[in-house]
Protein backbone atom coordinates (compact mmCIF):
# COMPACT_ATOMS: atom_id res chain seq x y z
CA MET A 1 146.28 181.54 267.23
CA GLY A 2 145.23 182.47 270.74
CA PRO A 3 146.99 185.12 272.80
CA PHE A 4 148.69 182.54 275.02
CA LEU A 5 150.08 180.58 272.08
CA ALA A 6 151.21 183.75 270.32
CA GLN A 7 152.98 184.87 273.49
CA LEU A 8 154.55 181.43 273.83
CA VAL A 9 155.84 181.52 270.25
CA ILE A 10 157.44 184.92 270.86
CA GLY A 11 158.75 183.77 274.22
CA THR A 12 160.33 180.68 272.69
CA VAL A 13 162.23 182.86 270.24
CA LYS A 14 163.28 185.46 272.82
CA ASP A 15 163.92 183.25 275.87
CA PRO A 16 163.74 179.48 275.18
CA ALA A 17 164.55 178.55 278.77
CA GLN A 18 161.68 180.61 280.18
CA ALA A 19 159.32 179.25 277.51
CA ALA A 20 160.31 175.74 278.55
CA ARG A 21 159.47 176.56 282.16
CA GLN A 22 156.06 177.90 281.09
CA ILE A 23 155.25 174.74 279.16
CA LEU A 24 156.41 172.47 281.98
CA ALA A 25 154.35 174.49 284.47
CA LEU A 26 151.19 173.53 282.54
CA ARG A 27 151.74 169.91 283.68
CA LEU A 28 149.71 168.54 280.78
CA PRO A 29 148.55 164.97 281.44
CA LEU A 30 149.92 162.21 279.22
CA PRO A 31 146.60 161.58 277.40
CA ALA A 32 146.49 165.26 276.39
CA LEU A 33 150.09 165.05 275.18
CA TRP A 34 149.30 162.00 273.02
CA ALA A 35 146.36 163.87 271.48
CA LEU A 36 148.51 166.95 270.84
CA LEU A 37 151.22 164.81 269.27
CA GLY A 38 148.68 163.29 266.89
CA LEU A 39 147.38 166.73 265.93
CA VAL A 40 150.85 168.20 265.39
CA ALA A 41 151.99 165.17 263.37
CA ILE A 42 148.93 165.41 261.10
CA ILE A 43 149.45 169.15 260.55
CA ASN A 44 153.16 168.63 259.78
CA ALA A 45 152.40 165.82 257.35
CA GLY A 46 149.68 167.87 255.66
CA LEU A 47 151.89 170.91 255.19
CA PHE A 48 154.81 168.78 253.98
CA THR A 49 152.58 167.00 251.46
CA LEU A 50 151.05 170.26 250.24
CA THR A 51 154.51 171.77 249.78
CA ASN A 52 155.63 168.78 247.70
CA LEU A 53 152.46 168.89 245.60
CA LEU A 54 152.84 172.59 244.83
CA MET A 55 156.62 172.49 244.42
CA PRO A 56 157.67 168.91 243.57
CA PRO A 57 161.34 168.25 244.30
CA PRO A 58 163.47 167.09 241.36
CA GLY A 59 163.81 163.33 241.19
CA GLY A 60 160.82 162.63 243.40
CA LEU A 61 160.80 161.47 247.02
CA PRO A 62 161.46 158.14 248.75
CA MET A 63 158.25 156.35 249.69
CA VAL A 64 158.68 157.26 253.35
CA PHE A 65 158.30 160.95 252.43
CA ALA A 66 155.85 160.55 249.55
CA SER A 67 153.08 159.03 251.69
CA PRO A 68 151.36 161.46 254.10
CA LEU A 69 150.38 158.62 256.44
CA ILE A 70 153.90 157.24 256.64
CA PHE A 71 155.35 160.73 257.08
CA CYS A 72 152.84 161.41 259.87
CA ALA A 73 153.88 158.18 261.59
CA VAL A 74 157.57 159.09 261.18
CA VAL A 75 157.00 162.51 262.79
CA ALA A 76 155.05 161.04 265.72
CA GLY A 77 157.42 158.12 266.14
CA GLY A 78 160.42 160.44 265.97
CA VAL A 79 159.08 162.56 268.81
CA ILE A 80 158.30 159.53 270.98
CA VAL A 81 161.66 157.85 270.41
CA SER A 82 163.56 161.12 270.85
CA ALA A 83 161.75 161.90 274.10
CA GLY A 84 162.51 158.44 275.43
CA GLY A 85 166.16 158.53 274.35
CA ILE A 86 166.77 162.01 275.73
CA THR A 87 165.12 161.06 279.03
CA VAL A 88 167.22 157.91 279.44
CA PHE A 89 170.52 159.57 278.56
CA GLY A 90 169.58 162.66 280.54
CA ARG A 91 169.30 160.56 283.68
CA PHE A 92 172.54 158.79 282.81
CA PHE A 93 174.29 162.18 282.72
CA GLY A 94 172.79 163.35 286.02
CA GLY A 95 169.45 164.80 284.92
CA SER A 96 166.34 164.42 287.01
CA GLY A 97 163.42 165.31 284.74
CA GLY A 98 160.77 162.89 283.54
CA PHE A 99 159.56 161.70 280.15
CA GLU A 100 156.41 163.83 280.16
CA GLY A 101 158.34 167.10 280.39
CA ILE A 102 160.68 166.53 277.45
CA PHE A 103 157.78 164.93 275.54
CA ALA A 104 155.70 168.11 275.94
CA LEU A 105 158.60 170.31 274.86
CA LEU A 106 159.35 168.22 271.77
CA ILE A 107 155.69 168.37 270.78
CA TRP A 108 155.86 172.16 271.08
CA LEU A 109 158.94 172.18 268.85
CA GLN A 110 157.01 170.19 266.25
CA ALA A 111 154.19 172.73 266.49
CA LEU A 112 156.71 175.50 265.81
CA ARG A 113 158.10 173.46 262.93
CA ALA A 114 154.61 173.37 261.42
CA LEU A 115 154.36 177.15 261.82
CA VAL A 116 157.69 177.64 260.05
CA GLN A 117 156.63 175.20 257.31
CA GLY A 118 153.49 177.26 256.72
CA ILE A 119 155.52 180.48 256.48
CA VAL A 120 157.98 178.81 254.09
CA LEU A 121 155.11 177.56 251.94
CA VAL A 122 153.89 181.13 251.45
CA LEU A 123 157.40 182.48 250.88
CA MET A 124 158.07 179.87 248.18
CA PHE A 125 155.64 181.75 245.95
CA ILE A 126 156.55 185.32 246.77
CA ALA A 127 160.24 185.16 247.75
CA PRO A 128 161.90 181.76 247.13
CA GLY A 129 165.32 183.00 248.24
CA MET A 130 163.86 184.20 251.53
CA ALA A 131 162.15 180.82 252.00
CA ALA A 132 165.52 179.04 251.82
CA PHE A 133 166.99 181.50 254.33
CA VAL A 134 164.07 180.99 256.74
CA VAL A 135 164.52 177.20 256.58
CA PHE A 136 168.25 177.52 257.30
CA ALA A 137 167.81 180.07 260.11
CA ALA A 138 164.94 178.13 261.70
CA GLY A 139 167.02 174.95 261.66
CA LEU A 140 169.96 176.59 263.40
CA TYR A 141 167.86 178.43 265.96
CA GLY A 142 165.70 175.36 266.51
CA PHE A 143 168.81 173.48 267.57
CA TRP A 144 169.62 176.24 270.09
CA VAL A 145 166.06 176.12 271.44
CA LEU A 146 166.24 172.33 271.74
CA LEU A 147 169.39 172.54 273.86
CA HIS A 148 167.64 174.95 276.26
CA PHE A 149 164.56 172.71 276.38
CA ILE A 150 166.65 169.64 277.23
CA ASN A 151 168.60 171.57 279.86
CA ILE A 152 165.46 172.86 281.59
CA ALA A 153 163.34 169.70 281.29
CA LEU A 154 166.04 167.42 282.66
CA GLN A 155 167.52 169.98 285.10
CA LEU A 156 171.02 169.47 283.72
CA THR A 157 172.29 172.96 284.76
CA SER A 158 174.46 173.28 281.63
CA LEU A 159 173.92 173.60 277.89
CA TRP A 160 177.08 171.55 277.38
CA ARG A 161 175.53 168.68 279.30
CA ALA A 162 172.36 169.12 277.27
CA LEU A 163 174.45 168.89 274.09
CA THR A 164 176.13 165.73 275.39
CA VAL A 165 172.73 164.18 276.11
CA LEU A 166 171.42 165.15 272.68
CA VAL A 167 174.46 163.75 270.85
CA ALA A 168 174.47 160.52 272.85
CA SER A 169 170.75 159.91 272.41
CA THR A 170 170.89 160.78 268.70
CA VAL A 171 173.77 158.37 268.06
CA ALA A 172 171.97 155.62 270.00
CA ILE A 173 168.72 156.18 268.09
CA ILE A 174 170.51 156.19 264.72
CA LEU A 175 172.35 152.96 265.54
CA ALA A 176 169.11 151.33 266.68
CA LEU A 177 167.32 152.54 263.53
CA VAL A 178 170.08 151.18 261.29
CA MET A 179 169.84 147.81 263.02
CA VAL A 180 166.05 147.72 262.61
CA LEU A 181 166.20 148.76 258.95
CA THR A 182 168.89 146.18 258.29
CA MET A 183 166.73 143.45 259.79
CA LEU A 184 163.65 144.61 257.86
CA GLY A 185 165.49 145.23 254.58
CA LEU A 186 166.15 148.78 253.35
CA GLY A 187 164.38 148.19 250.05
CA THR A 188 160.98 148.03 251.77
CA MET A 189 161.21 151.77 252.53
CA GLY A 190 162.01 152.85 249.00
CA ILE A 191 165.71 153.22 249.81
CA PRO A 192 168.16 151.39 247.52
CA SER A 193 169.71 148.50 249.45
CA ASN A 194 173.14 149.07 247.90
CA VAL A 195 173.61 152.53 249.44
């Protein structure tokens, strides 16, 4: 990890808002963001698959999680849909940022997720209890970081407004996903249709 990335990781933990400003200041072009998304999605899928191979969960996994290619597509698709939803609802609630900004920040969050997954993978062998704590703590703090990222990227001026945007976009995405899965048939994704 280069010095800039290491500093950015530390900065994201210490001051998420300032880290968001640093990332936005890079003004990465959209083609570079697509390439970075692909790389981050592949790394996440690889680490997730390796974790499940070394420590298989009881009862197995649904097909969507068992296939590295599908999981990679889910990660990438999730970032794209989330960035679009947050941008749309951010503007609805008075934000003024663009898609590229929140897209870049969500990609960075996925990169951090991969870093945490790598740490957890090591901890699973040397301190399983600590691994569970790291997952829990990273999830909570990741939510806090995401609120700051949304607030800065969309210039909302309030974490409460960022939370409103996040909740609204999440509900809309879930409803849309349920509709799509219903039309396609839940059984095709390895999920029992009678759930």
